Amino acid sequence: MSVPKNTALGWLTRYAATLRFPNLVALIAGLFVLDLLVPDLIPFADEIFLGLLTMLLASLRRRPPRESSGGGRVIDIEALPESESDEHGGS
């Protein structure tokens, strides 16, 4: 099933694809909407909390994949010749 790109659902699915936790954002947003409909003892306290939590999770983007540049240098002590190994405390 393909979603047209120019609809609100298409925009929402493209946006969700860039998030790190899209299912968690949907769950918290759903709880936020449900909480707006159910009356509670302390007005707006939990609505504010869930709204802020939803915005925080929605701001977390996927990390771009790390590219290894090969510029880092790894020194393997066991691979050193014995003359250099003695200088570095090897046996």
C-alpha atoms as a PDB file:
ATOM      1  CA  MET A   1       0.000   0.000   0.000  1.00  0.00           C
ATOM      2  CA  SER A   2       1.472   3.295  -1.083  1.00  0.00           C
ATOM      3  CA  VAL A   3       0.720   6.583   0.676  1.00  0.00           C
ATOM      4  CA  PRO A   4       0.522   9.680  -1.547  1.00  0.00           C
ATOM      5  CA  LYS A   5       3.289  12.128  -0.690  1.00  0.00           C
ATOM      6  CA  ASN A   6       1.100  15.236  -0.808  1.00  0.00           C
ATOM      7  CA  THR A   7      -1.320  14.154   1.942  1.00  0.00           C
ATOM      8  CA  ALA A   8      -1.034  14.713   5.675  1.00  0.00           C
ATOM      9  CA  LEU A   9      -0.610  10.964   6.207  1.00  0.00           C
ATOM     10  CA  GLY A  10       2.232  10.921   3.661  1.00  0.00           C
ATOM     11  CA  TRP A  11       3.985  13.771   5.437  1.00  0.00           C
ATOM     12  CA  LEU A  12       3.478  12.053   8.794  1.00  0.00           C
ATOM     13  CA  THR A  13       4.927   8.728   7.601  1.00  0.00           C
ATOM     14  CA  ARG A  14       7.961  10.455   6.041  1.00  0.00           C
ATOM     15  CA  TYR A  15       8.521  12.379   9.297  1.00  0.00           C
ATOM     16  CA  ALA A  16       8.149   9.214  11.410  1.00  0.00           C
ATOM     17  CA  ALA A  17      10.752   7.453   9.263  1.00  0.00           C
ATOM     18  CA  THR A  18      13.373   9.973  10.430  1.00  0.00           C
ATOM     19  CA  LEU A  19      12.681   9.439  14.151  1.00  0.00           C
ATOM     20  CA  ARG A  20      14.682   7.147  16.412  1.00  0.00           C
ATOM     21  CA  PHE A  21      11.597   5.878  18.267  1.00  0.00           C
ATOM     22  CA  PRO A  22       8.547   6.340  16.006  1.00  0.00           C
ATOM     23  CA  ASN A  23       6.379   3.778  17.834  1.00  0.00           C
ATOM     24  CA  LEU A  24       7.106   5.351  21.210  1.00  0.00           C
ATOM     25  CA  VAL A  25       6.230   8.810  19.880  1.00  0.00           C
ATOM     26  CA  ALA A  26       2.929   7.466  18.519  1.00  0.00           C
ATOM     27  CA  LEU A  27       2.135   5.807  21.858  1.00  0.00           C
ATOM     28  CA  ILE A  28       2.869   8.933  23.916  1.00  0.00           C
ATOM     29  CA  ALA A  29       0.958  11.154  21.470  1.00  0.00           C
ATOM     30  CA  GLY A  30      -2.018   8.776  21.696  1.00  0.00           C
ATOM     31  CA  LEU A  31      -1.893   8.900  25.502  1.00  0.00           C
ATOM     32  CA  PHE A  32      -1.748  12.694  25.292  1.00  0.00           C
ATOM     33  CA  VAL A  33      -4.911  12.856  23.162  1.00  0.00           C
ATOM     34  CA  LEU A  34      -6.683  10.346  25.433  1.00  0.00           C
ATOM     35  CA  ASP A  35      -5.614  12.317  28.496  1.00  0.00           C
ATOM     36  CA  LEU A  36      -7.082  15.493  27.020  1.00  0.00           C
ATOM     37  CA  LEU A  37     -10.467  13.773  26.764  1.00  0.00           C
ATOM     38  CA  VAL A  38     -10.528  12.231  30.286  1.00  0.00           C
ATOM     39  CA  PRO A  39     -11.086  14.651  33.201  1.00  0.00           C
ATOM     40  CA  ASP A  40      -8.563  14.498  36.042  1.00  0.00           C
ATOM     41  CA  LEU A  41      -7.997  15.873  39.549  1.00  0.00           C
ATOM     42  CA  ILE A  42      -5.163  18.286  38.760  1.00  0.00           C
ATOM     43  CA  PRO A  43      -6.098  20.125  35.581  1.00  0.00           C
ATOM     44  CA  PHE A  44      -3.424  20.349  32.866  1.00  0.00           C
ATOM     45  CA  ALA A  45      -0.531  18.961  34.965  1.00  0.00           C
ATOM     46  CA  ASP A  46      -0.353  15.608  33.215  1.00  0.00           C
ATOM     47  CA  GLU A  47      -1.314  17.129  29.858  1.00  0.00           C
ATOM     48  CA  ILE A  48       1.669  19.449  30.051  1.00  0.00           C
ATOM     49  CA  PHE A  49       3.957  16.543  31.033  1.00  0.00           C
ATOM     50  CA  LEU A  50       2.759  14.275  28.214  1.00  0.00           C
ATOM     51  CA  GLY A  51       2.906  17.120  25.700  1.00  0.00           C
ATOM     52  CA  LEU A  52       6.496  17.935  26.645  1.00  0.00           C
ATOM     53  CA  LEU A  53       7.455  14.246  26.584  1.00  0.00           C
ATOM     54  CA  THR A  54       5.933  13.867  23.121  1.00  0.00           C
ATOM     55  CA  MET A  55       7.850  16.893  21.824  1.00  0.00           C
ATOM     56  CA  LEU A  56      11.088  15.617  23.375  1.00  0.00           C
ATOM     57  CA  LEU A  57      10.753  12.193  21.755  1.00  0.00           C
ATOM     58  CA  ALA A  58       9.750  13.731  18.435  1.00  0.00           C
ATOM     59  CA  SER A  59      12.917  15.857  18.448  1.00  0.00           C
ATOM     60  CA  LEU A  60      15.202  12.810  18.687  1.00  0.00           C
ATOM     61  CA  ARG A  61      16.289  12.017  15.148  1.00  0.00           C
ATOM     62  CA  ARG A  62      18.017   8.932  13.890  1.00  0.00           C
ATOM     63  CA  ARG A  63      21.768   9.162  14.102  1.00  0.00           C
ATOM     64  CA  PRO A  64      23.491   9.141  10.736  1.00  0.00           C
ATOM     65  CA  PRO A  65      25.589   6.031  10.142  1.00  0.00           C
ATOM     66  CA  ARG A  66      29.180   6.392  11.253  1.00  0.00           C
ATOM     67  CA  GLU A  67      31.700   6.489   8.473  1.00  0.00           C
ATOM     68  CA  SER A  68      35.099   5.022   9.201  1.00  0.00           C
ATOM     69  CA  SER A  69      37.634   7.334   7.637  1.00  0.00           C
ATOM     70  CA  GLY A  70      40.524   5.001   8.377  1.00  0.00           C
ATOM     71  CA  GLY A  71      42.419   7.973   9.796  1.00  0.00           C
ATOM     72  CA  GLY A  72      42.612   6.533  13.295  1.00  0.00           C
ATOM     73  CA  ARG A  73      45.792   4.679  14.132  1.00  0.00           C
ATOM     74  CA  VAL A  74      45.744   1.510  16.230  1.00  0.00           C
ATOM     75  CA  ILE A  75      48.997   0.266  17.725  1.00  0.00           C
ATOM     76  CA  ASP A  76      49.156  -3.431  18.486  1.00  0.00           C
ATOM     77  CA  ILE A  77      51.853  -4.009  21.106  1.00  0.00           C
ATOM     78  CA  GLU A  78      52.072  -7.714  20.315  1.00  0.00           C
ATOM     79  CA  ALA A  79      52.840  -6.959  16.671  1.00  0.00           C
ATOM     80  CA  LEU A  80      55.839  -4.733  17.474  1.00  0.00           C
ATOM     81  CA  PRO A  81      59.316  -6.131  16.796  1.00  0.00           C
ATOM     82  CA  GLU A  82      61.081  -7.338  19.930  1.00  0.00           C
ATOM     83  CA  SER A  83      63.499  -4.390  20.053  1.00  0.00           C
ATOM     84  CA  GLU A  84      60.594  -1.904  20.241  1.00  0.00           C
ATOM     85  CA  SER A  85      58.580  -4.177  22.528  1.00  0.00           C
ATOM     86  CA  ASP A  86      61.447  -4.121  25.094  1.00  0.00           C
ATOM     87  CA  GLU A  87      61.413  -0.337  25.115  1.00  0.00           C
ATOM     88  CA  HIS A  88      57.675  -0.294  25.911  1.00  0.00           C
ATOM     89  CA  GLY A  89      57.907  -2.667  28.846  1.00  0.00           C
ATOM     90  CA  GLY A  90      57.241  -5.890  26.981  1.00  0.00           C
ATOM     91  CA  SER A  91      59.013  -9.136  27.877  1.00  0.00           C
END
